[in-house]
Full PDB file with SEQRES, HELIX, SHEET, SSBOND, CRYST1, ORIGX, SCALE, CONECT and MASTER records, all heavy atoms in Angstrom:
SEQRES   1 A   42  ALA THR MET VAL ASN LYS ALA LEU GLU VAL MET GLU ALA          
SEQRES   2 A   42  ARG TRP LEU PHE ASP VAL GLY ILE ASP GLN ILE ASP PRO          
SEQRES   3 A   42  ILE ILE GLN PRO ARG SER ILE ILE HIS SER MET VAL GLU          
SEQRES   4 A   42  PHE ARG ASP                                                  
HELIX    1 AA1 VAL A    4  LEU A   16  1                                  13    
HELIX    2 AA2 ILE A   21  GLN A   23  5                                   3    
CRYST1    1.000    1.000    1.000  90.00  90.00  90.00 P 1           1          
ORIGX1      1.000000  0.000000  0.000000        0.00000                         
ORIGX2      0.000000  1.000000  0.000000        0.00000                         
ORIGX3      0.000000  0.000000  1.000000        0.00000                         
SCALE1      1.000000  0.000000  0.000000        0.00000                         
SCALE2      0.000000  1.000000  0.000000        0.00000                         
SCALE3      0.000000  0.000000  1.000000        0.00000                         
ATOM      1  N   ALA A   1      11.531  -5.210   9.045  1.00  0.00           N  
ATOM      2  CA  ALA A   1      11.628  -6.614   9.466  1.00  0.00           C  
ATOM      3  C   ALA A   1      10.348  -7.075  10.175  1.00  0.00           C  
ATOM      4  O   ALA A   1       9.935  -8.243  10.032  1.00  0.00           O  
ATOM      5  CB  ALA A   1      12.817  -6.765  10.391  1.00  0.00           C  
ATOM      6  N   THR A   2       9.710  -6.184  10.938  1.00  0.00           N  
ATOM      7  CA  THR A   2       8.462  -6.539  11.653  1.00  0.00           C  
ATOM      8  C   THR A   2       7.235  -6.341  10.773  1.00  0.00           C  
ATOM      9  O   THR A   2       6.151  -6.770  11.108  1.00  0.00           O  
ATOM     10  CB  THR A   2       8.269  -5.680  12.906  1.00  0.00           C  
ATOM     11  OG1 THR A   2       8.196  -4.284  12.500  1.00  0.00           O  
ATOM     12  CG2 THR A   2       9.397  -5.858  13.895  1.00  0.00           C  
ATOM     13  N   MET A   3       7.412  -5.648   9.630  1.00  0.00           N  
ATOM     14  CA  MET A   3       6.357  -5.245   8.717  1.00  0.00           C  
ATOM     15  C   MET A   3       5.480  -4.156   9.298  1.00  0.00           C  
ATOM     16  O   MET A   3       4.421  -3.814   8.747  1.00  0.00           O  
ATOM     17  CB  MET A   3       5.530  -6.414   8.182  1.00  0.00           C  
ATOM     18  CG  MET A   3       6.340  -7.324   7.252  1.00  0.00           C  
ATOM     19  SD  MET A   3       5.359  -8.296   6.107  1.00  0.00           S  
ATOM     20  CE  MET A   3       4.737  -7.033   4.985  1.00  0.00           C  
ATOM     21  N   VAL A   4       5.879  -3.592  10.434  1.00  0.00           N  
ATOM     22  CA  VAL A   4       5.185  -2.402  10.969  1.00  0.00           C  
ATOM     23  C   VAL A   4       5.301  -1.257   9.961  1.00  0.00           C  
ATOM     24  O   VAL A   4       4.390  -0.445   9.803  1.00  0.00           O  
ATOM     25  CB  VAL A   4       5.788  -1.995  12.337  1.00  0.00           C  
ATOM     26  CG1 VAL A   4       5.445  -0.569  12.689  1.00  0.00           C  
ATOM     27  CG2 VAL A   4       5.284  -2.940  13.441  1.00  0.00           C  
ATOM     28  N   ASN A   5       6.456  -1.206   9.267  1.00  0.00           N  
ATOM     29  CA  ASN A   5       6.652  -0.148   8.275  1.00  0.00           C  
ATOM     30  C   ASN A   5       5.518  -0.153   7.237  1.00  0.00           C  
ATOM     31  O   ASN A   5       5.046   0.907   6.814  1.00  0.00           O  
ATOM     32  CB  ASN A   5       8.001  -0.349   7.595  1.00  0.00           C  
ATOM     33  CG  ASN A   5       8.463   0.882   6.828  1.00  0.00           C  
ATOM     34  OD1 ASN A   5       8.379   2.004   7.336  1.00  0.00           O  
ATOM     35  ND2 ASN A   5       8.914   0.692   5.606  1.00  0.00           N  
ATOM     36  N   LYS A   6       5.098  -1.349   6.828  1.00  0.00           N  
ATOM     37  CA  LYS A   6       4.041  -1.426   5.823  1.00  0.00           C  
ATOM     38  C   LYS A   6       2.723  -0.981   6.393  1.00  0.00           C  
ATOM     39  O   LYS A   6       1.910  -0.360   5.679  1.00  0.00           O  
ATOM     40  CB  LYS A   6       3.957  -2.874   5.279  1.00  0.00           C  
ATOM     41  CG  LYS A   6       3.390  -2.967   3.882  1.00  0.00           C  
ATOM     42  CD  LYS A   6       4.102  -2.063   2.880  1.00  0.00           C  
ATOM     43  CE  LYS A   6       5.606  -2.147   2.865  1.00  0.00           C  
ATOM     44  NZ  LYS A   6       6.217  -1.255   1.860  1.00  0.00           N  
ATOM     45  N   ALA A   7       2.479  -1.255   7.663  1.00  0.00           N  
ATOM     46  CA  ALA A   7       1.255  -0.791   8.323  1.00  0.00           C  
ATOM     47  C   ALA A   7       1.230   0.739   8.357  1.00  0.00           C  
ATOM     48  O   ALA A   7       0.194   1.371   8.103  1.00  0.00           O  
ATOM     49  CB  ALA A   7       1.147  -1.359   9.714  1.00  0.00           C  
ATOM     50  N   LEU A   8       2.381   1.335   8.688  1.00  0.00           N  
ATOM     51  CA  LEU A   8       2.474   2.804   8.705  1.00  0.00           C  
ATOM     52  C   LEU A   8       2.225   3.352   7.306  1.00  0.00           C  
ATOM     53  O   LEU A   8       1.550   4.391   7.140  1.00  0.00           O  
ATOM     54  CB  LEU A   8       3.842   3.242   9.208  1.00  0.00           C  
ATOM     55  CG  LEU A   8       4.156   2.880  10.684  1.00  0.00           C  
ATOM     56  CD1 LEU A   8       5.630   3.195  10.981  1.00  0.00           C  
ATOM     57  CD2 LEU A   8       3.264   3.649  11.647  1.00  0.00           C  
ATOM     58  N   GLU A   9       2.724   2.670   6.287  1.00  0.00           N  
ATOM     59  CA  GLU A   9       2.542   3.142   4.910  1.00  0.00           C  
ATOM     60  C   GLU A   9       1.102   3.025   4.471  1.00  0.00           C  
ATOM     61  O   GLU A   9       0.628   3.868   3.691  1.00  0.00           O  
ATOM     62  CB  GLU A   9       3.450   2.368   3.969  1.00  0.00           C  
ATOM     63  CG  GLU A   9       4.928   2.746   4.146  1.00  0.00           C  
ATOM     64  CD  GLU A   9       5.854   1.880   3.313  1.00  0.00           C  
ATOM     65  OE1 GLU A   9       5.326   1.031   2.542  1.00  0.00           O  
ATOM     66  OE2 GLU A   9       7.073   2.056   3.436  1.00  0.00           O  
ATOM     67  N   VAL A  10       0.385   2.018   4.945  1.00  0.00           N  
ATOM     68  CA  VAL A  10      -1.049   1.906   4.639  1.00  0.00           C  
ATOM     69  C   VAL A  10      -1.784   3.125   5.205  1.00  0.00           C  
ATOM     70  O   VAL A  10      -2.608   3.757   4.523  1.00  0.00           O  
ATOM     71  CB  VAL A  10      -1.648   0.602   5.242  1.00  0.00           C  
ATOM     72  CG1 VAL A  10      -3.176   0.625   5.215  1.00  0.00           C  
ATOM     73  CG2 VAL A  10      -1.141  -0.616   4.459  1.00  0.00           C  
ATOM     74  N   MET A  11      -1.496   3.461   6.483  1.00  0.00           N  
ATOM     75  CA  MET A  11      -2.162   4.613   7.091  1.00  0.00           C  
ATOM     76  C   MET A  11      -1.766   5.918   6.413  1.00  0.00           C  
ATOM     77  O   MET A  11      -2.605   6.814   6.248  1.00  0.00           O  
ATOM     78  CB  MET A  11      -1.818   4.642   8.606  1.00  0.00           C  
ATOM     79  CG  MET A  11      -2.517   3.546   9.397  1.00  0.00           C  
ATOM     80  SD  MET A  11      -2.235   3.696  11.174  1.00  0.00           S  
ATOM     81  CE  MET A  11      -0.763   2.705  11.362  1.00  0.00           C  
ATOM     82  N   GLU A  12      -0.488   6.025   5.997  1.00  0.00           N  
ATOM     83  CA  GLU A  12      -0.044   7.232   5.291  1.00  0.00           C  
ATOM     84  C   GLU A  12      -0.755   7.357   3.948  1.00  0.00           C  
ATOM     85  O   GLU A  12      -1.200   8.446   3.562  1.00  0.00           O  
ATOM     86  CB  GLU A  12       1.455   7.158   5.104  1.00  0.00           C  
ATOM     87  CG  GLU A  12       2.074   8.423   4.523  1.00  0.00           C  
ATOM     88  CD  GLU A  12       3.578   8.302   4.355  1.00  0.00           C  
ATOM     89  OE1 GLU A  12       4.146   7.214   4.589  1.00  0.00           O  
ATOM     90  OE2 GLU A  12       4.181   9.325   4.012  1.00  0.00           O  
ATOM     91  N   ALA A  13      -0.864   6.247   3.212  1.00  0.00           N  
ATOM     92  CA  ALA A  13      -1.504   6.268   1.895  1.00  0.00           C  
ATOM     93  C   ALA A  13      -2.975   6.657   2.020  1.00  0.00           C  
ATOM     94  O   ALA A  13      -3.515   7.329   1.127  1.00  0.00           O  
ATOM     95  CB  ALA A  13      -1.369   4.895   1.248  1.00  0.00           C  
ATOM     96  N   ARG A  14      -3.620   6.237   3.103  1.00  0.00           N  
ATOM     97  CA  ARG A  14      -5.030   6.603   3.314  1.00  0.00           C  
ATOM     98  C   ARG A  14      -5.223   8.098   3.237  1.00  0.00           C  
ATOM     99  O   ARG A  14      -6.197   8.612   2.665  1.00  0.00           O  
ATOM    100  CB  ARG A  14      -5.486   6.017   4.634  1.00  0.00           C  
ATOM    101  CG  ARG A  14      -6.913   6.395   5.046  1.00  0.00           C  
ATOM    102  CD  ARG A  14      -6.920   7.521   6.075  1.00  0.00           C  
ATOM    103  NE  ARG A  14      -8.271   7.855   6.484  1.00  0.00           N  
ATOM    104  CZ  ARG A  14      -9.046   8.714   5.844  1.00  0.00           C  
ATOM    105  NH1 ARG A  14      -8.614   9.300   4.739  1.00  0.00           N  
ATOM    106  NH2 ARG A  14     -10.259   8.999   6.287  1.00  0.00           N  
ATOM    107  N   TRP A  15      -4.304   8.874   3.838  1.00  0.00           N  
ATOM    108  CA  TRP A  15      -4.412  10.319   3.872  1.00  0.00           C  
ATOM    109  C   TRP A  15      -3.880  10.980   2.612  1.00  0.00           C  
ATOM    110  O   TRP A  15      -4.478  11.935   2.074  1.00  0.00           O  
ATOM    111  CB  TRP A  15      -3.668  10.877   5.091  1.00  0.00           C  
ATOM    112  CG  TRP A  15      -4.336  10.512   6.385  1.00  0.00           C  
ATOM    113  CD1 TRP A  15      -3.883   9.642   7.332  1.00  0.00           C  
ATOM    114  CD2 TRP A  15      -5.590  10.990   6.850  1.00  0.00           C  
ATOM    115  NE1 TRP A  15      -4.781   9.540   8.347  1.00  0.00           N  
ATOM    116  CE2 TRP A  15      -5.849  10.364   8.083  1.00  0.00           C  
ATOM    117  CE3 TRP A  15      -6.562  11.880   6.345  1.00  0.00           C  
ATOM    118  CZ2 TRP A  15      -6.997  10.605   8.839  1.00  0.00           C  
ATOM    119  CZ3 TRP A  15      -7.715  12.127   7.070  1.00  0.00           C  
ATOM    120  CH2 TRP A  15      -7.919  11.494   8.302  1.00  0.00           C  
ATOM    121  N   LEU A  16      -2.777  10.469   2.083  1.00  0.00           N  
ATOM    122  CA  LEU A  16      -2.170  11.053   0.882  1.00  0.00           C  
ATOM    123  C   LEU A  16      -3.104  10.995  -0.303  1.00  0.00           C  
ATOM    124  O   LEU A  16      -3.196  11.929  -1.101  1.00  0.00           O  
ATOM    125  CB  LEU A  16      -0.880  10.329   0.551  1.00  0.00           C  
ATOM    126  CG  LEU A  16       0.389  10.739   1.289  1.00  0.00           C  
ATOM    127  CD1 LEU A  16       1.495   9.761   0.998  1.00  0.00           C  
ATOM    128  CD2 LEU A  16       0.818  12.158   0.924  1.00  0.00           C  
ATOM    129  N   PHE A  17      -3.829   9.877  -0.447  1.00  0.00           N  
ATOM    130  CA  PHE A  17      -4.594   9.626  -1.667  1.00  0.00           C  
ATOM    131  C   PHE A  17      -6.111   9.602  -1.416  1.00  0.00           C  
ATOM    132  O   PHE A  17      -6.870   9.294  -2.321  1.00  0.00           O  
ATOM    133  CB  PHE A  17      -4.082   8.336  -2.328  1.00  0.00           C  
ATOM    134  CG  PHE A  17      -2.620   8.371  -2.549  1.00  0.00           C  
ATOM    135  CD1 PHE A  17      -1.769   7.519  -1.826  1.00  0.00           C  
ATOM    136  CD2 PHE A  17      -2.053   9.249  -3.461  1.00  0.00           C  
ATOM    137  CE1 PHE A  17      -0.384   7.551  -2.027  1.00  0.00           C  
ATOM    138  CE2 PHE A  17      -0.680   9.298  -3.649  1.00  0.00           C  
ATOM    139  CZ  PHE A  17       0.156   8.456  -2.943  1.00  0.00           C  
ATOM    140  N   ASP A  18      -6.514   9.965  -0.194  1.00  0.00           N  
ATOM    141  CA  ASP A  18      -7.932  10.101   0.142  1.00  0.00           C  
ATOM    142  C   ASP A  18      -8.757   8.862  -0.249  1.00  0.00           C  
ATOM    143  O   ASP A  18      -9.751   8.944  -0.948  1.00  0.00           O  
ATOM    144  CB  ASP A  18      -8.503  11.341  -0.540  1.00  0.00           C  
ATOM    145  CG  ASP A  18      -9.891  11.720   0.001  1.00  0.00           C  
ATOM    146  OD1 ASP A  18     -10.205  11.349   1.135  1.00  0.00           O  
ATOM    147  OD2 ASP A  18     -10.638  12.409  -0.726  1.00  0.00           O  
ATOM    148  N   VAL A  19      -8.289   7.711   0.236  1.00  0.00           N  
ATOM    149  CA  VAL A  19      -9.005   6.453   0.019  1.00  0.00           C  
ATOM    150  C   VAL A  19      -9.236   5.772   1.362  1.00  0.00           C  
ATOM    151  O   VAL A  19      -8.637   6.141   2.366  1.00  0.00           O  
ATOM    152  CB  VAL A  19      -8.209   5.506  -0.909  1.00  0.00           C  
ATOM    153  CG1 VAL A  19      -8.058   6.122  -2.304  1.00  0.00           C  
ATOM    154  CG2 VAL A  19      -6.830   5.198  -0.340  1.00  0.00           C  
ATOM    155  N   GLY A  20     -10.123   4.786   1.371  1.00  0.00           N  
ATOM    156  CA  GLY A  20     -10.367   4.049   2.606  1.00  0.00           C  
ATOM    157  C   GLY A  20      -9.280   3.035   2.876  1.00  0.00           C  
ATOM    158  O   GLY A  20      -8.599   2.566   1.949  1.00  0.00           O  
ATOM    159  N   ILE A  21      -9.091   2.672   4.119  1.00  0.00           N  
ATOM    160  CA  ILE A  21      -8.108   1.643   4.485  1.00  0.00           C  
ATOM    161  C   ILE A  21      -8.401   0.340   3.738  1.00  0.00           C  
ATOM    162  O   ILE A  21      -7.469  -0.354   3.309  1.00  0.00           O  
ATOM    163  CB  ILE A  21      -8.132   1.395   6.007  1.00  0.00           C  
ATOM    164  CG1 ILE A  21      -7.603   2.630   6.769  1.00  0.00           C  
ATOM    165  CG2 ILE A  21      -7.303   0.165   6.372  1.00  0.00           C  
ATOM    166  CD1 ILE A  21      -6.133   2.854   6.656  1.00  0.00           C  
ATOM    167  N   ASP A  22      -9.689   0.034   3.529  1.00  0.00           N  
ATOM    168  CA  ASP A  22     -10.053  -1.205   2.837  1.00  0.00           C  
ATOM    169  C   ASP A  22      -9.693  -1.191   1.365  1.00  0.00           C  
ATOM    170  O   ASP A  22      -9.770  -2.231   0.698  1.00  0.00           O  
ATOM    171  CB  ASP A  22     -11.535  -1.462   2.999  1.00  0.00           C  
ATOM    172  CG  ASP A  22     -11.901  -1.868   4.435  1.00  0.00           C  
ATOM    173  OD1 ASP A  22     -11.030  -2.401   5.141  1.00  0.00           O  
ATOM    174  OD2 ASP A  22     -13.063  -1.645   4.848  1.00  0.00           O  
ATOM    175  N   GLN A  23      -9.346  -0.016   0.834  1.00  0.00           N  
ATOM    176  CA  GLN A  23      -8.928   0.080  -0.578  1.00  0.00           C  
ATOM    177  C   GLN A  23      -7.420  -0.068  -0.754  1.00  0.00           C  
ATOM    178  O   GLN A  23      -6.910   0.069  -1.876  1.00  0.00           O  
ATOM    179  CB  GLN A  23      -9.369   1.403  -1.165  1.00  0.00           C  
ATOM    180  CG  GLN A  23     -10.850   1.560  -1.408  1.00  0.00           C  
ATOM    181  CD  GLN A  23     -11.204   2.941  -1.943  1.00  0.00           C  
ATOM    182  OE1 GLN A  23     -11.396   3.884  -1.218  1.00  0.00           O  
ATOM    183  NE2 GLN A  23     -11.247   3.040  -3.277  1.00  0.00           N  
ATOM    184  N   ILE A  24      -6.702  -0.316   0.330  1.00  0.00           N  
ATOM    185  CA  ILE A  24      -5.256  -0.432   0.276  1.00  0.00           C  
ATOM    186  C   ILE A  24      -4.859  -1.868   0.661  1.00  0.00           C  
ATOM    187  O   ILE A  24      -5.096  -2.286   1.782  1.00  0.00           O  
ATOM    188  CB  ILE A  24      -4.570   0.562   1.220  1.00  0.00           C  
ATOM    189  CG1 ILE A  24      -5.083   1.988   0.934  1.00  0.00           C  
ATOM    190  CG2 ILE A  24      -3.056   0.510   1.051  1.00  0.00           C  
ATOM    191  CD1 ILE A  24      -4.686   2.995   1.999  1.00  0.00           C  
ATOM    192  N   ASP A  25      -4.252  -2.574  -0.269  1.00  0.00           N  
ATOM    193  CA  ASP A  25      -3.875  -3.974  -0.038  1.00  0.00           C  
ATOM    194  C   ASP A  25      -2.349  -4.127  -0.061  1.00  0.00           C  
ATOM    195  O   ASP A  25      -1.711  -3.893  -1.100  1.00  0.00           O  
ATOM    196  CB  ASP A  25      -4.460  -4.887  -1.109  1.00  0.00           C  
ATOM    197  CG  ASP A  25      -5.972  -5.023  -1.004  1.00  0.00           C  
ATOM    198  OD1 ASP A  25      -6.493  -4.758   0.082  1.00  0.00           O  
ATOM    199  OD2 ASP A  25      -6.587  -5.389  -2.031  1.00  0.00           O  
ATOM    200  N   PRO A  26      -1.733  -4.474   1.096  1.00  0.00           N  
ATOM    201  CA  PRO A  26      -0.287  -4.764   1.064  1.00  0.00           C  
ATOM    202  C   PRO A  26      -0.065  -6.073   0.300  1.00  0.00           C  
ATOM    203  O   PRO A  26      -0.846  -7.027   0.403  1.00  0.00           O  
ATOM    204  CB  PRO A  26       0.048  -4.942   2.556  1.00  0.00           C  
ATOM    205  CG  PRO A  26      -1.085  -4.360   3.300  1.00  0.00           C  
ATOM    206  CD  PRO A  26      -2.293  -4.537   2.433  1.00  0.00           C  
ATOM    207  N   ILE A  27       1.013  -6.100  -0.479  1.00  0.00           N  
ATOM    208  CA  ILE A  27       1.331  -7.298  -1.257  1.00  0.00           C  
ATOM    209  C   ILE A  27       2.852  -7.443  -1.292  1.00  0.00           C  
ATOM    210  O   ILE A  27       3.569  -6.459  -1.420  1.00  0.00           O  
ATOM    211  CB  ILE A  27       0.749  -7.192  -2.683  1.00  0.00           C  
ATOM    212  CG1 ILE A  27       1.014  -8.483  -3.490  1.00  0.00           C  
ATOM    213  CG2 ILE A  27       1.266  -5.963  -3.429  1.00  0.00           C  
ATOM    214  CD1 ILE A  27       0.269  -8.520  -4.814  1.00  0.00           C  
ATOM    215  N   ILE A  28       3.323  -8.667  -1.109  1.00  0.00           N  
ATOM    216  CA  ILE A  28       4.752  -8.937  -1.075  1.00  0.00           C  
ATOM    217  C   ILE A  28       5.313  -9.034  -2.501  1.00  0.00           C  
ATOM    218  O   ILE A  28       4.804  -9.819  -3.315  1.00  0.00           O  
ATOM    219  CB  ILE A  28       5.108 -10.201  -0.271  1.00  0.00           C  
ATOM    220  CG1 ILE A  28       4.526 -10.147   1.136  1.00  0.00           C  
ATOM    221  CG2 ILE A  28       6.605 -10.439  -0.258  1.00  0.00           C  
ATOM    222  CD1 ILE A  28       5.091  -9.064   1.978  1.00  0.00           C  
ATOM    223  N   GLN A  29       6.332  -8.249  -2.809  1.00  0.00           N  
ATOM    224  CA  GLN A  29       7.063  -8.327  -4.085  1.00  0.00           C  
ATOM    225  C   GLN A  29       8.542  -8.361  -3.698  1.00  0.00           C  
ATOM    226  O   GLN A  29       9.159  -7.313  -3.462  1.00  0.00           O  
ATOM    227  CB  GLN A  29       6.716  -7.132  -4.962  1.00  0.00           C  
ATOM    228  CG  GLN A  29       7.055  -7.307  -6.440  1.00  0.00           C  
ATOM    229  CD  GLN A  29       8.530  -7.158  -6.721  1.00  0.00           C  
ATOM    230  OE1 GLN A  29       9.084  -6.082  -6.645  1.00  0.00           O  
ATOM    231  NE2 GLN A  29       9.168  -8.284  -7.037  1.00  0.00           N  
ATOM    232  N   PRO A  30       9.098  -9.561  -3.508  1.00  0.00           N  
ATOM    233  CA  PRO A  30      10.367  -9.717  -2.806  1.00  0.00           C  
ATOM    234  C   PRO A  30      11.546  -8.935  -3.322  1.00  0.00           C  
ATOM    235  O   PRO A  30      12.405  -8.538  -2.541  1.00  0.00           O  
ATOM    236  CB  PRO A  30      10.629 -11.246  -2.914  1.00  0.00           C  
ATOM    237  CG  PRO A  30       9.288 -11.847  -3.097  1.00  0.00           C  
ATOM    238  CD  PRO A  30       8.522 -10.855  -3.905  1.00  0.00           C  
ATOM    239  N   ARG A  31      11.614  -8.643  -4.616  1.00  0.00           N  
ATOM    240  CA  ARG A  31      12.825  -8.026  -5.152  1.00  0.00           C  
ATOM    241  C   ARG A  31      12.772  -6.495  -5.143  1.00  0.00           C  
ATOM    242  O   ARG A  31      13.692  -5.832  -5.561  1.00  0.00           O  
ATOM    243  CB  ARG A  31      13.103  -8.537  -6.566  1.00  0.00           C  
ATOM    244  CG  ARG A  31      13.463 -10.004  -6.600  1.00  0.00           C  
ATOM    245  CD  ARG A  31      13.810 -10.487  -7.989  1.00  0.00           C  
ATOM    246  NE  ARG A  31      15.042  -9.866  -8.490  1.00  0.00           N  
ATOM    247  CZ  ARG A  31      15.577 -10.137  -9.687  1.00  0.00           C  
ATOM    248  NH1 ARG A  31      14.987 -11.015 -10.471  1.00  0.00           N  
ATOM    249  NH2 ARG A  31      16.656  -9.506 -10.090  1.00  0.00           N  
ATOM    250  N   SER A  32      11.654  -5.932  -4.670  1.00  0.00           N  
ATOM    251  CA  SER A  32      11.519  -4.464  -4.615  1.00  0.00           C  
ATOM    252  C   SER A  32      11.746  -3.797  -5.967  1.00  0.00           C  
ATOM    253  O   SER A  32      12.396  -2.754  -6.070  1.00  0.00           O  
ATOM    254  CB  SER A  32      12.461  -3.868  -3.561  1.00  0.00           C  
ATOM    255  OG  SER A  32      12.174  -4.347  -2.289  1.00  0.00           O  
ATOM    256  N   ILE A  33      11.175  -4.396  -6.997  1.00  0.00           N  
ATOM    257  CA  ILE A  33      11.287  -3.856  -8.357  1.00  0.00           C  
ATOM    258  C   ILE A  33      10.076  -3.058  -8.729  1.00  0.00           C  
ATOM    259  O   ILE A  33      10.151  -1.984  -9.302  1.00  0.00           O  
ATOM    260  CB  ILE A  33      11.538  -4.993  -9.380  1.00  0.00           C  
ATOM    261  CG1 ILE A  33      12.918  -5.582  -9.158  1.00  0.00           C  
ATOM    262  CG2 ILE A  33      11.339  -4.518 -10.820  1.00  0.00           C  
ATOM    263  CD1 ILE A  33      13.191  -6.866  -9.899  1.00  0.00           C  
ATOM    264  N   ILE A  34       8.870  -3.609  -8.375  1.00  0.00           N  
ATOM    265  CA  ILE A  34       7.634  -2.837  -8.492  1.00  0.00           C  
ATOM    266  C   ILE A  34       7.451  -2.110  -7.171  1.00  0.00           C  
ATOM    267  O   ILE A  34       7.348  -2.728  -6.122  1.00  0.00           O  
ATOM    268  CB  ILE A  34       6.439  -3.742  -8.786  1.00  0.00           C  
ATOM    269  CG1 ILE A  34       6.601  -4.406 -10.160  1.00  0.00           C  
ATOM    270  CG2 ILE A  34       5.145  -2.948  -8.713  1.00  0.00           C  
ATOM    271  CD1 ILE A  34       5.453  -5.305 -10.542  1.00  0.00           C  
ATOM    272  N   HIS A  35       7.392  -0.780  -7.230  1.00  0.00           N  
ATOM    273  CA  HIS A  35       7.371  -0.025  -5.989  1.00  0.00           C  
ATOM    274  C   HIS A  35       5.958   0.211  -5.463  1.00  0.00           C  
ATOM    275  O   HIS A  35       5.818   0.503  -4.269  1.00  0.00           O  
ATOM    276  CB  HIS A  35       8.104   1.307  -6.186  1.00  0.00           C  
ATOM    277  CG  HIS A  35       9.567   1.096  -6.541  1.00  0.00           C  
ATOM    278  ND1 HIS A  35      10.414   0.398  -5.681  1.00  0.00           N  
ATOM    279  CD2 HIS A  35      10.289   1.413  -7.617  1.00  0.00           C  
ATOM    280  CE1 HIS A  35      11.610   0.331  -6.237  1.00  0.00           C  
ATOM    281  NE2 HIS A  35      11.564   0.931  -7.408  1.00  0.00           N  
ATOM    282  N   SER A  36       4.971   0.068  -6.287  1.00  0.00           N  
ATOM    283  CA  SER A  36       3.556  -0.013  -5.898  1.00  0.00           C  
ATOM    284  C   SER A  36       2.722   0.059  -7.162  1.00  0.00           C  
ATOM    285  O   SER A  36       3.232   0.389  -8.257  1.00  0.00           O  
ATOM    286  CB  SER A  36       3.142   1.076  -4.914  1.00  0.00           C  
ATOM    287  OG  SER A  36       3.375   0.637  -3.589  1.00  0.00           O  
ATOM    288  N   MET A  37       1.421  -0.210  -7.034  1.00  0.00           N  
ATOM    289  CA  MET A  37       0.516  -0.264  -8.175  1.00  0.00           C  
ATOM    290  C   MET A  37      -0.822   0.339  -7.785  1.00  0.00           C  
ATOM    291  O   MET A  37      -1.168   0.384  -6.601  1.00  0.00           O  
ATOM    292  CB  MET A  37       0.308  -1.720  -8.626  1.00  0.00           C  
ATOM    293  CG  MET A  37       1.574  -2.433  -9.073  1.00  0.00           C  
ATOM    294  SD  MET A  37       1.339  -4.187  -9.372  1.00  0.00           S  
ATOM    295  CE  MET A  37       1.430  -4.846  -7.680  1.00  0.00           C  
ATOM    296  N   VAL A  38      -1.556   0.741  -8.801  1.00  0.00           N  
ATOM    297  CA  VAL A  38      -2.947   1.225  -8.619  1.00  0.00           C  
ATOM    298  C   VAL A  38      -3.836   0.463  -9.575  1.00  0.00           C  
ATOM    299  O   VAL A  38      -3.549   0.379 -10.788  1.00  0.00           O  
ATOM    300  CB  VAL A  38      -3.065   2.724  -8.864  1.00  0.00           C  
ATOM    301  CG1 VAL A  38      -4.524   3.162  -8.717  1.00  0.00           C  
ATOM    302  CG2 VAL A  38      -2.188   3.513  -7.911  1.00  0.00           C  
ATOM    303  N   GLU A  39      -4.894  -0.137  -9.043  1.00  0.00           N  
ATOM    304  CA  GLU A  39      -5.922  -0.775  -9.860  1.00  0.00           C  
ATOM    305  C   GLU A  39      -7.097   0.177 -10.021  1.00  0.00           C  
ATOM    306  O   GLU A  39      -7.549   0.773  -9.038  1.00  0.00           O  
ATOM    307  CB  GLU A  39      -6.382  -2.074  -9.223  1.00  0.00           C  
ATOM    308  CG  GLU A  39      -7.432  -2.822 -10.052  1.00  0.00           C  
ATOM    309  CD  GLU A  39      -7.948  -4.047  -9.301  1.00  0.00           C  
ATOM    310  OE1 GLU A  39      -8.850  -3.911  -8.443  1.00  0.00           O  
ATOM    311  OE2 GLU A  39      -7.435  -5.156  -9.611  1.00  0.00           O  
ATOM    312  N   PHE A  40      -7.572   0.320 -11.276  1.00  0.00           N  
ATOM    313  CA  PHE A  40      -8.674   1.217 -11.552  1.00  0.00           C  
ATOM    314  C   PHE A  40      -9.962   0.443 -11.746  1.00  0.00           C  
ATOM    315  O   PHE A  40      -9.956  -0.767 -11.890  1.00  0.00           O  
ATOM    316  CB  PHE A  40      -8.354   2.096 -12.766  1.00  0.00           C  
ATOM    317  CG  PHE A  40      -7.125   2.964 -12.547  1.00  0.00           C  
ATOM    318  CD1 PHE A  40      -5.862   2.517 -12.937  1.00  0.00           C  
ATOM    319  CD2 PHE A  40      -7.246   4.171 -11.905  1.00  0.00           C  
ATOM    320  CE1 PHE A  40      -4.735   3.297 -12.701  1.00  0.00           C  
ATOM    321  CE2 PHE A  40      -6.131   4.959 -11.670  1.00  0.00           C  
ATOM    322  CZ  PHE A  40      -4.884   4.514 -12.079  1.00  0.00           C  
ATOM    323  N   ARG A  41     -11.076   1.151 -11.700  1.00  0.00           N  
ATOM    324  CA  ARG A  41     -12.378   0.472 -11.706  1.00  0.00           C  
ATOM    325  C   ARG A  41     -12.662  -0.271 -12.997  1.00  0.00           C  
ATOM    326  O   ARG A  41     -13.551  -1.138 -13.052  1.00  0.00           O  
ATOM    327  CB  ARG A  41     -13.486   1.457 -11.400  1.00  0.00           C  
ATOM    328  CG  ARG A  41     -13.630   2.629 -12.393  1.00  0.00           C  
ATOM    329  CD  ARG A  41     -14.639   3.633 -11.881  1.00  0.00           C  
ATOM    330  NE  ARG A  41     -14.737   4.793 -12.784  1.00  0.00           N  
ATOM    331  CZ  ARG A  41     -15.459   5.860 -12.517  1.00  0.00           C  
ATOM    332  NH1 ARG A  41     -16.133   5.936 -11.365  1.00  0.00           N  
ATOM    333  NH2 ARG A  41     -15.511   6.855 -13.357  1.00  0.00           N  
ATOM    334  N   ASP A  42     -11.921   0.025 -14.090  1.00  0.00           N  
ATOM    335  CA  ASP A  42     -12.120  -0.725 -15.335  1.00  0.00           C  
ATOM    336  C   ASP A  42     -11.253  -1.995 -15.374  1.00  0.00           C  
ATOM    337  O   ASP A  42     -11.254  -2.730 -16.347  1.00  0.00           O  
ATOM    338  CB  ASP A  42     -11.806   0.156 -16.565  1.00  0.00           C  
ATOM    339  CG  ASP A  42     -10.355   0.624 -16.607  1.00  0.00           C  
ATOM    340  OD1 ASP A  42      -9.598   0.338 -15.654  1.00  0.00           O  
ATOM    341  OD2 ASP A  42      -9.972   1.292 -17.598  1.00  0.00           O  
TER     342      ASP A  42                                                      
MASTER        0    0    0    2    0    0    0    6  341    1    0    4          
END                                                                             
């Protein structure tokens, strides 16, 4: 509800996937159907 959860997930993803914080973009998908995405350099 506070969206603190998403902030925690950003920090968690930084360590899990060895990327910079600036490479992680939170995005609202209201129906929770897409659980997350990865964009590649191509």
